[in-house]
N, C-alpha and C. Protein backbone atom coordinates (compact mmCIF):
# COMPACT_ATOMS: atom_id res chain seq x y z
N MET A 1 3.74 17.76 10.47
CA MET A 1 3.33 17.55 9.08
C MET A 1 2.34 18.66 8.67
N LYS A 2 2.56 19.26 7.53
CA LYS A 2 1.66 20.31 7.03
C LYS A 2 0.29 19.73 6.72
N THR A 3 -0.72 20.60 6.74
CA THR A 3 -2.09 20.16 6.48
C THR A 3 -2.21 19.52 5.11
N ALA A 4 -1.55 20.10 4.11
CA ALA A 4 -1.61 19.54 2.75
C ALA A 4 -1.07 18.11 2.73
N ASP A 5 0.01 17.88 3.46
CA ASP A 5 0.59 16.54 3.52
C ASP A 5 -0.35 15.58 4.25
N LYS A 6 -1.01 16.07 5.30
CA LYS A 6 -1.97 15.24 6.03
C LYS A 6 -3.12 14.83 5.11
N ILE A 7 -3.56 15.76 4.27
CA ILE A 7 -4.64 15.46 3.33
C ILE A 7 -4.20 14.40 2.33
N LEU A 8 -3.00 14.55 1.81
CA LEU A 8 -2.48 13.57 0.84
C LEU A 8 -2.35 12.19 1.48
N HIS A 9 -1.88 12.13 2.72
CA HIS A 9 -1.75 10.85 3.41
C HIS A 9 -3.12 10.22 3.65
N THR A 10 -4.12 11.05 3.96
CA THR A 10 -5.48 10.54 4.17
C THR A 10 -6.03 9.95 2.88
N LEU A 11 -5.84 10.64 1.76
CA LEU A 11 -6.32 10.14 0.47
C LEU A 11 -5.59 8.85 0.09
N LYS A 12 -4.32 8.77 0.43
CA LYS A 12 -3.55 7.57 0.11
C LYS A 12 -4.05 6.38 0.90
N ARG A 13 -4.34 6.59 2.16
CA ARG A 13 -4.78 5.49 3.02
C ARG A 13 -6.23 5.10 2.80
N GLU A 14 -7.09 6.10 2.56
CA GLU A 14 -8.52 5.85 2.59
C GLU A 14 -9.21 5.94 1.23
N GLY A 15 -8.52 6.42 0.22
CA GLY A 15 -9.18 6.61 -1.06
C GLY A 15 -9.95 7.92 -1.08
N ALA A 16 -11.02 7.96 -1.84
CA ALA A 16 -11.76 9.21 -2.03
C ALA A 16 -12.44 9.68 -0.74
N VAL A 17 -12.35 10.98 -0.48
CA VAL A 17 -13.01 11.59 0.68
C VAL A 17 -13.58 12.94 0.25
N THR A 18 -14.48 13.47 1.06
CA THR A 18 -15.07 14.77 0.78
C THR A 18 -14.38 15.86 1.60
N ALA A 19 -14.60 17.11 1.21
CA ALA A 19 -14.02 18.23 1.96
C ALA A 19 -14.59 18.26 3.38
N LYS A 20 -15.85 17.91 3.52
CA LYS A 20 -16.47 17.90 4.85
C LYS A 20 -15.79 16.88 5.75
N GLN A 21 -15.51 15.70 5.20
CA GLN A 21 -14.84 14.66 6.00
C GLN A 21 -13.45 15.13 6.44
N LEU A 22 -12.75 15.80 5.53
CA LEU A 22 -11.42 16.31 5.88
C LEU A 22 -11.51 17.42 6.93
N SER A 23 -12.52 18.27 6.82
CA SER A 23 -12.67 19.36 7.78
C SER A 23 -12.92 18.80 9.18
N GLU A 24 -13.73 17.74 9.27
CA GLU A 24 -13.99 17.12 10.56
C GLU A 24 -12.75 16.41 11.09
N ARG A 25 -11.99 15.80 10.20
CA ARG A 25 -10.79 15.07 10.60
C ARG A 25 -9.73 16.02 11.16
N PHE A 26 -9.55 17.17 10.53
CA PHE A 26 -8.44 18.06 10.90
C PHE A 26 -8.87 19.33 11.61
N GLY A 27 -10.14 19.42 12.01
CA GLY A 27 -10.59 20.54 12.81
C GLY A 27 -10.52 21.88 12.10
N MET A 28 -10.98 21.92 10.86
CA MET A 28 -11.00 23.17 10.10
C MET A 28 -12.38 23.33 9.47
N THR A 29 -12.61 24.47 8.85
CA THR A 29 -13.88 24.67 8.17
C THR A 29 -13.88 23.90 6.84
N THR A 30 -15.08 23.64 6.35
CA THR A 30 -15.19 22.96 5.05
C THR A 30 -14.55 23.81 3.96
N MET A 31 -14.73 25.13 4.06
CA MET A 31 -14.13 26.03 3.08
C MET A 31 -12.61 25.94 3.13
N GLY A 32 -12.06 25.86 4.33
CA GLY A 32 -10.61 25.73 4.46
C GLY A 32 -10.10 24.44 3.83
N ALA A 33 -10.84 23.35 4.02
CA ALA A 33 -10.45 22.08 3.41
C ALA A 33 -10.51 22.18 1.88
N ARG A 34 -11.55 22.85 1.38
CA ARG A 34 -11.68 23.03 -0.08
C ARG A 34 -10.50 23.82 -0.64
N GLN A 35 -10.08 24.84 0.09
CA GLN A 35 -8.95 25.66 -0.37
C GLN A 35 -7.67 24.82 -0.48
N HIS A 36 -7.44 23.98 0.51
CA HIS A 36 -6.28 23.09 0.45
C HIS A 36 -6.39 22.14 -0.74
N LEU A 37 -7.58 21.60 -0.94
CA LEU A 37 -7.79 20.65 -2.04
C LEU A 37 -7.61 21.33 -3.40
N GLN A 38 -8.10 22.56 -3.52
CA GLN A 38 -7.95 23.29 -4.78
C GLN A 38 -6.48 23.59 -5.08
N THR A 39 -5.71 23.88 -4.04
CA THR A 39 -4.28 24.12 -4.23
C THR A 39 -3.60 22.83 -4.69
N LEU A 40 -3.96 21.72 -4.07
CA LEU A 40 -3.40 20.42 -4.45
C LEU A 40 -3.83 20.03 -5.86
N GLU A 41 -5.07 20.44 -6.23
CA GLU A 41 -5.53 20.17 -7.59
C GLU A 41 -4.70 20.97 -8.60
N GLU A 42 -4.42 22.23 -8.29
CA GLU A 42 -3.60 23.06 -9.16
C GLU A 42 -2.19 22.48 -9.32
N ASP A 43 -1.73 21.81 -8.28
CA ASP A 43 -0.40 21.17 -8.33
C ASP A 43 -0.44 19.82 -9.04
N GLY A 44 -1.64 19.40 -9.44
CA GLY A 44 -1.77 18.15 -10.17
C GLY A 44 -1.75 16.90 -9.30
N LEU A 45 -1.94 17.06 -7.99
CA LEU A 45 -1.83 15.93 -7.06
C LEU A 45 -3.18 15.29 -6.73
N VAL A 46 -4.27 16.04 -6.87
CA VAL A 46 -5.60 15.49 -6.58
C VAL A 46 -6.57 15.86 -7.70
N ARG A 47 -7.64 15.13 -7.77
CA ARG A 47 -8.73 15.43 -8.71
C ARG A 47 -10.04 15.11 -8.01
N PHE A 48 -11.15 15.52 -8.60
CA PHE A 48 -12.44 15.27 -7.97
C PHE A 48 -13.42 14.65 -8.95
N TYR A 49 -14.43 14.03 -8.39
CA TYR A 49 -15.56 13.56 -9.17
C TYR A 49 -16.82 13.75 -8.32
N ASP A 50 -17.95 14.00 -8.96
CA ASP A 50 -19.19 14.27 -8.26
C ASP A 50 -20.09 13.04 -8.25
N VAL A 51 -20.70 12.78 -7.11
CA VAL A 51 -21.61 11.65 -6.94
C VAL A 51 -23.02 12.18 -6.71
N LYS A 52 -23.96 11.77 -7.55
CA LYS A 52 -25.34 12.24 -7.41
C LYS A 52 -25.97 11.65 -6.15
N VAL A 53 -26.76 12.47 -5.48
CA VAL A 53 -27.50 12.03 -4.30
C VAL A 53 -28.99 12.26 -4.56
N LYS A 54 -29.84 11.62 -3.77
CA LYS A 54 -31.28 11.70 -4.01
C LYS A 54 -31.80 13.12 -3.85
N VAL A 55 -31.29 13.82 -2.86
CA VAL A 55 -31.77 15.18 -2.59
C VAL A 55 -30.57 16.13 -2.53
N GLY A 56 -30.71 17.28 -3.21
CA GLY A 56 -29.68 18.30 -3.12
C GLY A 56 -28.59 18.16 -4.18
N ARG A 57 -27.53 18.92 -3.98
CA ARG A 57 -26.43 18.96 -4.94
C ARG A 57 -25.59 17.69 -4.86
N PRO A 58 -24.94 17.33 -5.94
CA PRO A 58 -24.04 16.17 -5.92
C PRO A 58 -22.94 16.35 -4.87
N THR A 59 -22.45 15.25 -4.34
CA THR A 59 -21.37 15.29 -3.35
C THR A 59 -20.03 15.16 -4.08
N ARG A 60 -19.13 16.07 -3.81
CA ARG A 60 -17.83 16.08 -4.47
C ARG A 60 -16.82 15.25 -3.68
N HIS A 61 -16.24 14.28 -4.34
CA HIS A 61 -15.23 13.42 -3.72
C HIS A 61 -13.86 13.70 -4.35
N TRP A 62 -12.84 13.69 -3.50
CA TRP A 62 -11.48 13.98 -3.96
C TRP A 62 -10.62 12.74 -3.83
N THR A 63 -9.76 12.55 -4.81
CA THR A 63 -8.87 11.39 -4.81
C THR A 63 -7.52 11.78 -5.41
N LEU A 64 -6.52 10.95 -5.23
CA LEU A 64 -5.19 11.23 -5.76
C LEU A 64 -5.12 11.00 -7.27
N THR A 65 -4.34 11.82 -7.95
CA THR A 65 -4.01 11.58 -9.35
C THR A 65 -2.80 10.64 -9.41
N ALA A 66 -2.38 10.30 -10.61
CA ALA A 66 -1.17 9.48 -10.76
C ALA A 66 0.03 10.19 -10.14
N ASN A 67 0.09 11.51 -10.33
CA ASN A 67 1.17 12.29 -9.72
C ASN A 67 1.06 12.30 -8.20
N GLY A 68 -0.19 12.26 -7.72
CA GLY A 68 -0.41 12.21 -6.27
C GLY A 68 0.12 10.92 -5.68
N HIS A 69 -0.13 9.81 -6.37
CA HIS A 69 0.40 8.52 -5.91
C HIS A 69 1.92 8.52 -6.00
N ALA A 70 2.45 9.13 -7.05
CA ALA A 70 3.90 9.17 -7.24
C ALA A 70 4.58 10.00 -6.15
N TYR A 71 3.83 10.89 -5.51
CA TYR A 71 4.35 11.70 -4.41
C TYR A 71 4.91 10.82 -3.30
N PHE A 72 4.33 9.60 -3.18
CA PHE A 72 4.73 8.68 -2.12
C PHE A 72 5.74 7.64 -2.62
N ALA A 73 6.16 7.75 -3.84
CA ALA A 73 7.01 6.72 -4.43
C ALA A 73 8.33 6.60 -3.69
N ASP A 74 8.95 5.43 -3.84
CA ASP A 74 10.25 5.16 -3.25
C ASP A 74 11.27 6.18 -3.76
N ARG A 75 11.93 6.87 -2.86
CA ARG A 75 12.90 7.89 -3.25
C ARG A 75 14.07 7.28 -4.03
N HIS A 76 14.31 6.01 -3.81
CA HIS A 76 15.42 5.35 -4.47
C HIS A 76 14.96 4.51 -5.66
N GLY A 77 13.73 4.76 -6.12
CA GLY A 77 13.15 3.95 -7.19
C GLY A 77 13.97 3.95 -8.46
N GLU A 78 14.40 5.13 -8.89
CA GLU A 78 15.14 5.21 -10.15
C GLU A 78 16.48 4.48 -10.05
N LEU A 79 17.16 4.64 -8.90
CA LEU A 79 18.43 3.94 -8.71
C LEU A 79 18.21 2.43 -8.73
N THR A 80 17.12 1.98 -8.11
CA THR A 80 16.81 0.54 -8.09
C THR A 80 16.61 0.01 -9.49
N LEU A 81 15.89 0.77 -10.32
CA LEU A 81 15.66 0.36 -11.70
C LEU A 81 16.97 0.26 -12.47
N GLN A 82 17.86 1.21 -12.23
CA GLN A 82 19.16 1.19 -12.91
C GLN A 82 19.95 -0.05 -12.50
N VAL A 83 19.90 -0.40 -11.22
CA VAL A 83 20.60 -1.59 -10.74
C VAL A 83 20.01 -2.84 -11.36
N ILE A 84 18.69 -2.92 -11.41
CA ILE A 84 18.02 -4.09 -12.01
C ILE A 84 18.41 -4.23 -13.48
N ASP A 85 18.39 -3.12 -14.19
CA ASP A 85 18.77 -3.16 -15.61
C ASP A 85 20.21 -3.61 -15.79
N ALA A 86 21.10 -3.11 -14.92
CA ALA A 86 22.51 -3.48 -15.01
C ALA A 86 22.71 -4.97 -14.74
N VAL A 87 22.01 -5.48 -13.72
CA VAL A 87 22.12 -6.91 -13.40
C VAL A 87 21.61 -7.75 -14.56
N GLU A 88 20.50 -7.31 -15.16
CA GLU A 88 19.94 -8.08 -16.27
C GLU A 88 20.90 -8.09 -17.47
N GLN A 89 21.54 -6.96 -17.73
CA GLN A 89 22.48 -6.89 -18.85
C GLN A 89 23.68 -7.80 -18.64
N VAL A 90 24.15 -7.88 -17.40
CA VAL A 90 25.35 -8.67 -17.11
C VAL A 90 25.03 -10.14 -16.89
N TYR A 91 23.94 -10.41 -16.12
CA TYR A 91 23.66 -11.78 -15.71
C TYR A 91 22.38 -12.37 -16.31
N GLY A 92 21.65 -11.55 -17.07
CA GLY A 92 20.43 -12.04 -17.70
C GLY A 92 19.29 -12.20 -16.71
N SER A 93 18.21 -12.82 -17.16
CA SER A 93 17.01 -12.97 -16.33
C SER A 93 17.28 -13.84 -15.11
N GLU A 94 18.26 -14.75 -15.21
CA GLU A 94 18.60 -15.59 -14.06
C GLU A 94 19.17 -14.74 -12.92
N GLY A 95 19.89 -13.70 -13.26
CA GLY A 95 20.43 -12.81 -12.24
C GLY A 95 19.33 -12.08 -11.49
N ILE A 96 18.31 -11.62 -12.24
CA ILE A 96 17.17 -10.95 -11.62
C ILE A 96 16.45 -11.91 -10.69
N ALA A 97 16.25 -13.14 -11.15
CA ALA A 97 15.55 -14.15 -10.34
C ALA A 97 16.31 -14.41 -9.04
N LYS A 98 17.63 -14.45 -9.12
CA LYS A 98 18.44 -14.70 -7.92
C LYS A 98 18.33 -13.55 -6.93
N ILE A 99 18.28 -12.31 -7.46
CA ILE A 99 18.12 -11.15 -6.59
C ILE A 99 16.80 -11.22 -5.84
N ALA A 100 15.73 -11.52 -6.57
CA ALA A 100 14.40 -11.62 -5.96
C ALA A 100 14.36 -12.74 -4.92
N ALA A 101 14.97 -13.87 -5.23
CA ALA A 101 14.97 -15.01 -4.31
C ALA A 101 15.77 -14.70 -3.06
N THR A 102 16.90 -14.01 -3.22
CA THR A 102 17.74 -13.65 -2.07
C THR A 102 17.01 -12.66 -1.17
N ARG A 103 16.38 -11.66 -1.78
CA ARG A 103 15.62 -10.69 -0.99
C ARG A 103 14.49 -11.38 -0.24
N GLU A 104 13.80 -12.30 -0.91
CA GLU A 104 12.70 -13.03 -0.26
C GLU A 104 13.21 -13.81 0.95
N ALA A 105 14.32 -14.51 0.79
CA ALA A 105 14.87 -15.32 1.88
C ALA A 105 15.31 -14.43 3.05
N GLN A 106 15.93 -13.30 2.75
CA GLN A 106 16.39 -12.40 3.81
C GLN A 106 15.21 -11.79 4.57
N THR A 107 14.19 -11.37 3.82
CA THR A 107 13.01 -10.77 4.45
C THR A 107 12.29 -11.80 5.31
N LEU A 108 12.14 -13.01 4.78
CA LEU A 108 11.46 -14.07 5.51
C LEU A 108 12.20 -14.39 6.81
N ALA A 109 13.52 -14.47 6.75
CA ALA A 109 14.32 -14.75 7.95
C ALA A 109 14.15 -13.64 8.98
N GLN A 110 14.13 -12.40 8.52
CA GLN A 110 13.96 -11.26 9.43
C GLN A 110 12.60 -11.31 10.10
N TYR A 111 11.54 -11.57 9.30
CA TYR A 111 10.19 -11.62 9.85
C TYR A 111 10.05 -12.78 10.83
N HIS A 112 10.61 -13.94 10.50
CA HIS A 112 10.54 -15.08 11.41
C HIS A 112 11.18 -14.74 12.74
N ALA A 113 12.30 -14.06 12.70
CA ALA A 113 13.00 -13.68 13.93
C ALA A 113 12.14 -12.74 14.77
N GLU A 114 11.47 -11.80 14.11
CA GLU A 114 10.62 -10.83 14.82
C GLU A 114 9.38 -11.51 15.41
N MET A 115 8.97 -12.63 14.82
CA MET A 115 7.74 -13.30 15.23
C MET A 115 7.97 -14.50 16.14
N GLN A 116 9.15 -14.66 16.64
CA GLN A 116 9.47 -15.82 17.46
C GLN A 116 8.51 -16.01 18.64
N SER A 117 8.09 -14.91 19.24
CA SER A 117 7.22 -14.99 20.41
C SER A 117 5.74 -14.99 20.05
N CYS A 118 5.42 -14.92 18.76
CA CYS A 118 4.02 -14.88 18.31
C CYS A 118 3.52 -16.31 18.07
N MET A 119 2.49 -16.70 18.81
CA MET A 119 1.98 -18.07 18.71
C MET A 119 0.70 -18.16 17.88
N THR A 120 -0.21 -17.21 18.07
CA THR A 120 -1.51 -17.27 17.41
C THR A 120 -1.49 -16.50 16.10
N LEU A 121 -2.51 -16.76 15.29
CA LEU A 121 -2.65 -16.03 14.02
C LEU A 121 -2.74 -14.54 14.28
N GLU A 122 -3.52 -14.17 15.29
CA GLU A 122 -3.70 -12.75 15.59
C GLU A 122 -2.38 -12.08 15.97
N GLU A 123 -1.59 -12.75 16.77
CA GLU A 123 -0.31 -12.19 17.17
C GLU A 123 0.63 -12.03 15.99
N LYS A 124 0.62 -13.02 15.10
CA LYS A 124 1.47 -12.95 13.91
C LYS A 124 1.04 -11.81 13.00
N LEU A 125 -0.25 -11.65 12.82
CA LEU A 125 -0.76 -10.59 11.96
C LEU A 125 -0.46 -9.22 12.55
N GLU A 126 -0.62 -9.08 13.85
CA GLU A 126 -0.32 -7.80 14.50
C GLU A 126 1.15 -7.43 14.31
N MET A 127 2.04 -8.41 14.44
CA MET A 127 3.46 -8.15 14.24
C MET A 127 3.75 -7.84 12.78
N LEU A 128 3.07 -8.55 11.87
CA LEU A 128 3.27 -8.30 10.44
C LEU A 128 2.87 -6.88 10.08
N VAL A 129 1.78 -6.39 10.67
CA VAL A 129 1.36 -5.01 10.43
C VAL A 129 2.44 -4.05 10.91
N VAL A 130 3.01 -4.29 12.08
CA VAL A 130 4.07 -3.44 12.61
C VAL A 130 5.27 -3.42 11.67
N LEU A 131 5.68 -4.60 11.20
CA LEU A 131 6.85 -4.71 10.34
C LEU A 131 6.63 -4.01 9.00
N ARG A 132 5.47 -4.23 8.41
CA ARG A 132 5.19 -3.64 7.10
C ARG A 132 4.99 -2.13 7.22
N GLU A 133 4.36 -1.69 8.29
CA GLU A 133 4.18 -0.25 8.51
C GLU A 133 5.54 0.43 8.66
N ARG A 134 6.44 -0.23 9.35
CA ARG A 134 7.79 0.30 9.54
C ARG A 134 8.51 0.47 8.20
N GLU A 135 8.18 -0.38 7.24
CA GLU A 135 8.84 -0.33 5.94
C GLU A 135 8.13 0.60 4.95
N GLY A 136 7.03 1.22 5.40
CA GLY A 136 6.38 2.23 4.57
C GLY A 136 5.21 1.76 3.73
N TYR A 137 4.59 0.64 4.10
CA TYR A 137 3.49 0.11 3.28
C TYR A 137 2.12 0.68 3.64
N MET A 138 2.02 1.49 4.69
CA MET A 138 0.74 2.09 5.10
C MET A 138 -0.32 1.00 5.29
N VAL A 139 -0.13 0.18 6.29
CA VAL A 139 -0.89 -1.07 6.45
C VAL A 139 -2.13 -0.90 7.32
N GLU A 140 -3.19 -1.62 6.95
CA GLU A 140 -4.39 -1.74 7.77
C GLU A 140 -4.76 -3.22 7.84
N LEU A 141 -5.38 -3.62 8.94
CA LEU A 141 -5.85 -4.99 9.10
C LEU A 141 -7.33 -4.95 9.46
N GLU A 142 -8.16 -5.57 8.62
CA GLU A 142 -9.60 -5.60 8.85
C GLU A 142 -10.04 -7.03 9.13
N THR A 143 -11.03 -7.18 9.99
CA THR A 143 -11.57 -8.50 10.29
C THR A 143 -12.72 -8.81 9.34
N SER A 144 -12.93 -10.10 9.08
CA SER A 144 -14.04 -10.56 8.25
C SER A 144 -14.67 -11.77 8.94
N SER A 145 -15.73 -12.29 8.36
CA SER A 145 -16.45 -13.40 8.99
C SER A 145 -15.60 -14.66 9.10
N ASP A 146 -14.68 -14.85 8.17
CA ASP A 146 -13.87 -16.07 8.18
C ASP A 146 -12.37 -15.80 8.27
N GLY A 147 -12.00 -14.58 8.67
CA GLY A 147 -10.58 -14.28 8.79
C GLY A 147 -10.29 -12.79 8.80
N TYR A 148 -9.38 -12.38 7.93
CA TYR A 148 -8.92 -11.00 7.92
C TYR A 148 -8.65 -10.53 6.49
N ARG A 149 -8.52 -9.21 6.35
CA ARG A 149 -8.01 -8.64 5.11
C ARG A 149 -6.86 -7.70 5.47
N LEU A 150 -5.70 -7.98 4.90
CA LEU A 150 -4.52 -7.13 5.10
C LEU A 150 -4.43 -6.17 3.93
N ILE A 151 -4.40 -4.88 4.23
CA ILE A 151 -4.40 -3.85 3.19
C ILE A 151 -3.10 -3.06 3.25
N GLU A 152 -2.47 -2.89 2.11
CA GLU A 152 -1.28 -2.06 1.99
C GLU A 152 -1.59 -0.92 1.03
N ASN A 153 -1.72 0.29 1.58
CA ASN A 153 -2.14 1.44 0.78
C ASN A 153 -1.01 2.05 -0.04
N HIS A 154 0.20 1.61 0.23
CA HIS A 154 1.36 2.13 -0.52
C HIS A 154 2.37 1.02 -0.72
N CYS A 155 3.08 1.06 -1.84
CA CYS A 155 4.14 0.09 -2.10
C CYS A 155 5.45 0.86 -2.30
N PRO A 156 6.35 0.84 -1.33
CA PRO A 156 7.61 1.58 -1.46
C PRO A 156 8.57 0.98 -2.48
N ILE A 157 8.27 -0.23 -2.98
CA ILE A 157 9.12 -0.84 -4.01
C ILE A 157 8.36 -0.94 -5.33
N CYS A 158 7.39 -0.05 -5.52
CA CYS A 158 6.49 -0.17 -6.67
C CYS A 158 7.24 -0.14 -8.01
N LYS A 159 8.21 0.76 -8.14
CA LYS A 159 8.93 0.86 -9.41
C LYS A 159 9.69 -0.42 -9.71
N ALA A 160 10.34 -0.97 -8.69
CA ALA A 160 11.07 -2.22 -8.88
C ALA A 160 10.11 -3.35 -9.19
N ALA A 161 8.96 -3.38 -8.49
CA ALA A 161 7.98 -4.45 -8.70
C ALA A 161 7.35 -4.36 -10.08
N THR A 162 7.16 -3.14 -10.58
CA THR A 162 6.61 -2.97 -11.93
C THR A 162 7.60 -3.48 -12.97
N ARG A 163 8.86 -3.23 -12.72
CA ARG A 163 9.91 -3.69 -13.64
C ARG A 163 10.15 -5.19 -13.54
N CYS A 164 9.98 -5.75 -12.34
CA CYS A 164 10.27 -7.16 -12.09
C CYS A 164 9.20 -7.71 -11.14
N GLN A 165 8.17 -8.32 -11.69
CA GLN A 165 7.03 -8.72 -10.87
C GLN A 165 7.32 -9.92 -9.97
N SER A 166 8.50 -10.50 -10.09
CA SER A 166 8.86 -11.57 -9.15
C SER A 166 8.98 -11.01 -7.74
N PHE A 167 9.22 -9.69 -7.61
CA PHE A 167 9.24 -9.07 -6.28
C PHE A 167 7.85 -9.14 -5.65
N CYS A 168 6.82 -8.94 -6.46
CA CYS A 168 5.45 -9.03 -5.96
C CYS A 168 5.12 -10.45 -5.54
N GLN A 169 5.54 -11.42 -6.34
CA GLN A 169 5.30 -12.81 -6.00
C GLN A 169 6.01 -13.15 -4.69
N SER A 170 7.18 -12.57 -4.48
CA SER A 170 7.92 -12.80 -3.24
C SER A 170 7.12 -12.33 -2.03
N GLU A 171 6.46 -11.17 -2.17
CA GLU A 171 5.66 -10.65 -1.06
C GLU A 171 4.60 -11.67 -0.66
N LEU A 172 3.90 -12.21 -1.65
CA LEU A 172 2.85 -13.20 -1.38
C LEU A 172 3.46 -14.46 -0.79
N ASN A 173 4.59 -14.90 -1.33
CA ASN A 173 5.26 -16.10 -0.82
C ASN A 173 5.62 -15.94 0.66
N ILE A 174 6.10 -14.75 1.02
CA ILE A 174 6.50 -14.48 2.41
C ILE A 174 5.29 -14.59 3.34
N PHE A 175 4.19 -13.97 2.97
CA PHE A 175 2.99 -14.02 3.80
C PHE A 175 2.51 -15.47 3.96
N GLN A 176 2.49 -16.20 2.86
CA GLN A 176 2.01 -17.58 2.91
C GLN A 176 2.91 -18.44 3.78
N SER A 177 4.21 -18.21 3.72
CA SER A 177 5.14 -18.99 4.53
C SER A 177 5.01 -18.65 6.01
N LEU A 178 4.89 -17.37 6.32
CA LEU A 178 4.79 -16.93 7.71
C LEU A 178 3.54 -17.47 8.39
N LEU A 179 2.46 -17.59 7.63
CA LEU A 179 1.16 -17.96 8.20
C LEU A 179 0.75 -19.39 7.85
N GLU A 180 1.70 -20.16 7.34
CA GLU A 180 1.43 -21.53 6.92
C GLU A 180 0.87 -22.35 8.08
N GLY A 181 -0.16 -23.13 7.79
CA GLY A 181 -0.78 -23.99 8.80
C GLY A 181 -1.87 -23.31 9.60
N LEU A 182 -1.93 -21.98 9.51
CA LEU A 182 -2.95 -21.24 10.26
C LEU A 182 -4.05 -20.69 9.36
N CYS A 183 -3.70 -20.38 8.12
CA CYS A 183 -4.66 -19.75 7.22
C CYS A 183 -4.18 -19.84 5.78
N SER A 184 -5.06 -19.49 4.86
CA SER A 184 -4.68 -19.34 3.46
C SER A 184 -4.56 -17.85 3.17
N VAL A 185 -3.70 -17.50 2.22
CA VAL A 185 -3.48 -16.09 1.87
C VAL A 185 -3.59 -15.93 0.36
N GLU A 186 -4.49 -15.05 -0.08
CA GLU A 186 -4.66 -14.78 -1.50
C GLU A 186 -4.63 -13.27 -1.73
N ARG A 187 -3.96 -12.85 -2.79
CA ARG A 187 -3.95 -11.43 -3.13
C ARG A 187 -5.26 -11.08 -3.82
N GLN A 188 -5.92 -10.02 -3.35
CA GLN A 188 -7.19 -9.59 -3.93
C GLN A 188 -7.01 -8.37 -4.82
N GLU A 189 -6.27 -7.38 -4.36
CA GLU A 189 -6.00 -6.17 -5.13
C GLU A 189 -4.49 -6.03 -5.30
N HIS A 190 -4.09 -5.36 -6.40
CA HIS A 190 -2.67 -5.32 -6.74
C HIS A 190 -2.35 -3.97 -7.38
N ILE A 191 -1.51 -3.18 -6.74
CA ILE A 191 -1.18 -1.86 -7.26
C ILE A 191 -0.59 -1.94 -8.66
N VAL A 192 0.31 -2.90 -8.88
CA VAL A 192 0.96 -3.05 -10.19
C VAL A 192 -0.06 -3.36 -11.28
N SER A 193 -1.19 -3.95 -10.91
CA SER A 193 -2.23 -4.27 -11.89
C SER A 193 -3.22 -3.13 -12.09
N GLY A 194 -2.97 -2.00 -11.41
CA GLY A 194 -3.81 -0.82 -11.62
C GLY A 194 -4.75 -0.49 -10.48
N HIS A 195 -4.75 -1.28 -9.42
CA HIS A 195 -5.60 -0.98 -8.28
C HIS A 195 -4.99 0.13 -7.43
N ARG A 196 -5.81 0.71 -6.57
CA ARG A 196 -5.34 1.80 -5.71
C ARG A 196 -4.39 1.29 -4.63
N ARG A 197 -4.52 0.04 -4.27
CA ARG A 197 -3.76 -0.53 -3.16
C ARG A 197 -3.57 -2.02 -3.39
N CYS A 198 -2.77 -2.65 -2.54
CA CYS A 198 -2.66 -4.11 -2.53
C CYS A 198 -3.45 -4.61 -1.32
N SER A 199 -4.18 -5.69 -1.50
CA SER A 199 -4.88 -6.29 -0.35
C SER A 199 -4.82 -7.79 -0.45
N TYR A 200 -4.86 -8.43 0.72
CA TYR A 200 -4.73 -9.87 0.80
C TYR A 200 -5.87 -10.43 1.66
N ILE A 201 -6.55 -11.45 1.15
CA ILE A 201 -7.59 -12.14 1.88
C ILE A 201 -6.95 -13.27 2.68
N ILE A 202 -7.16 -13.24 3.98
CA ILE A 202 -6.57 -14.22 4.89
C ILE A 202 -7.71 -15.02 5.54
N LYS A 203 -7.83 -16.29 5.15
CA LYS A 203 -8.93 -17.13 5.66
C LYS A 203 -8.38 -18.20 6.59
N ARG A 204 -9.03 -18.35 7.73
CA ARG A 204 -8.64 -19.38 8.67
C ARG A 204 -8.84 -20.76 8.06
N LEU A 205 -7.96 -21.67 8.39
CA LEU A 205 -8.11 -23.05 7.93
C LEU A 205 -9.08 -23.78 8.86
N ASN A 206 -9.94 -24.60 8.27
CA ASN A 206 -10.92 -25.33 9.08
C ASN A 206 -10.24 -26.46 9.85
């Protein structure tokens, strides 16, 4: 993977970072990191904002632009939208609902099969991270005082989900079904609603 691509992936997963942080991450000089960032800025993929500090010059943070996020978009997004529109024209909103329900059932069955040997909440979550990462969601799992937070830094079905938000509801339904009886699952951040990522709060049941 080229250095520019590594930088874009880092910004996608972690949000805003500084040139110094990138230089330490990839073993280059701070100036070298800045040069890569400036090239990406010229391409319209990143932008910066300055944060004031108590002493010295403001710290410059870099983040993805809308085009930068689109760089990771589903390659088949436009085709998916065309299919959704065609189904809606022929079968109406009920047809779209059936597609979402069928996809949800198929995904849930697949995940259940993959989790057959997972007994504990931790084992199920670890497998869920593997499955979602495999599908391109750029997943992280963080621990909290009363459970976990599942973070998805990318949504490979974002265009379809923006067009038909029942796909997003299906994602939440799947998580709740897989972890039923062990924890509660609530969506905290939502890419379709304008957040940088999707995240889910997972609390253990008392």
